[in-house]
Amino acid sequence: MRPPFRFPEDLVTLQRAWQQTYAELAQAPAGTGTTVLRRRLITLSGNLCTHPHWAAPAAWRAGGVELRHAARTHTSTPAEGQAAA
């Protein structure tokens, strides 16, 4: 069995913001101004992909699903060297 992934709290917060923005965009009625939501989603996507946690070569592929799950369940474990909040 694989050990659980540990994500920094700021990374989980970024993912939660991305998911919330995506949900808001999906709920927006057709023809309404969605530019602000689309721009926020693009910015959050860039911040997620360039987060220092993903510095390892295959880290995104290895932990992306687990990060989305952690953000949905609003749980995360502190990364090594970080104290629990």
Protein backbone atom coordinates (compact mmCIF):
# COMPACT_ATOMS: atom_id res chain seq x y z
CA MET A 1 0.00 0.00 0.00
CA ARG A 2 1.22 3.46 -0.92
CA PRO A 3 1.86 5.93 1.92
CA PRO A 4 -0.56 8.89 2.05
CA PHE A 5 0.41 12.06 0.24
CA ARG A 6 1.25 15.12 2.30
CA PHE A 7 0.40 18.49 0.86
CA PRO A 8 1.27 21.94 2.15
CA GLU A 9 -1.81 23.77 3.44
CA ASP A 10 -1.37 26.60 0.91
CA LEU A 11 -1.48 24.08 -1.94
CA VAL A 12 -4.71 22.55 -0.62
CA THR A 13 -6.15 26.06 -0.23
CA LEU A 14 -5.22 26.85 -3.85
CA GLN A 15 -6.90 23.66 -5.04
CA ARG A 16 -10.04 24.43 -3.03
CA ALA A 17 -10.17 27.92 -4.55
CA TRP A 18 -9.77 26.41 -8.03
CA GLN A 19 -12.61 23.94 -7.42
CA GLN A 20 -14.86 26.69 -6.03
CA THR A 21 -14.16 28.96 -9.01
CA TYR A 22 -14.79 26.10 -11.43
CA ALA A 23 -18.12 25.35 -9.73
CA GLU A 24 -19.13 29.02 -9.90
CA LEU A 25 -18.25 29.12 -13.59
CA ALA A 26 -20.27 25.96 -14.24
CA GLN A 27 -23.28 27.49 -12.46
CA ALA A 28 -23.11 30.82 -14.28
CA PRO A 29 -26.06 31.28 -16.66
CA ALA A 30 -25.29 31.40 -20.37
CA GLY A 31 -24.70 34.90 -21.64
CA THR A 32 -23.58 36.33 -18.31
CA GLY A 33 -20.19 37.90 -17.88
CA THR A 34 -17.86 35.08 -16.90
CA THR A 35 -14.61 36.83 -17.77
CA VAL A 36 -13.66 37.43 -14.14
CA LEU A 37 -14.24 33.78 -13.24
CA ARG A 38 -12.32 32.54 -16.29
CA ARG A 39 -9.38 34.80 -15.51
CA ARG A 40 -9.36 33.70 -11.88
CA LEU A 41 -9.39 30.05 -13.00
CA ILE A 42 -6.44 30.65 -15.32
CA THR A 43 -4.49 32.41 -12.56
CA LEU A 44 -5.24 29.66 -10.04
CA SER A 45 -4.27 26.99 -12.58
CA GLY A 46 -0.91 28.68 -13.12
CA ASN A 47 -0.33 28.99 -9.38
CA LEU A 48 -1.22 25.33 -8.84
CA CYS A 49 1.05 24.04 -11.59
CA THR A 50 4.02 26.15 -10.56
CA HIS A 51 3.76 25.56 -6.81
CA PRO A 52 7.15 24.53 -5.34
CA HIS A 53 5.62 21.27 -4.09
CA TRP A 54 5.62 19.98 -7.67
CA ALA A 55 9.38 20.48 -8.14
CA ALA A 56 9.92 16.70 -8.37
CA PRO A 57 9.79 15.52 -12.02
CA ALA A 58 6.58 13.46 -11.82
CA ALA A 59 5.02 14.95 -8.70
CA TRP A 60 1.94 16.39 -10.45
CA ARG A 61 1.04 13.11 -12.09
CA ALA A 62 1.66 11.25 -8.87
CA GLY A 63 -0.27 13.53 -6.53
CA GLY A 64 -2.80 15.53 -8.54
CA VAL A 65 -5.74 13.22 -7.89
CA GLU A 66 -4.92 12.97 -4.21
CA LEU A 67 -4.68 16.77 -3.97
CA ARG A 68 -8.12 17.22 -5.52
CA HIS A 69 -9.50 14.62 -3.10
CA ALA A 70 -7.84 16.32 -0.10
CA ALA A 71 -9.29 19.67 -1.16
CA ARG A 72 -12.79 18.19 -1.54
CA THR A 73 -12.68 16.51 1.84
CA HIS A 74 -11.01 19.58 3.37
CA THR A 75 -8.31 17.50 5.01
CA SER A 76 -4.60 17.53 4.65
CA THR A 77 -1.67 16.35 6.66
CA PRO A 78 1.22 18.69 7.33
CA ALA A 79 4.20 18.30 5.06
CA GLU A 80 7.38 17.06 6.63
CA GLY A 81 9.00 19.80 8.65
CA GLN A 82 5.73 21.73 9.11
CA ALA A 83 3.76 21.81 12.32
CA ALA A 84 0.07 20.98 12.29
CA ALA A 85 -2.13 24.08 12.42
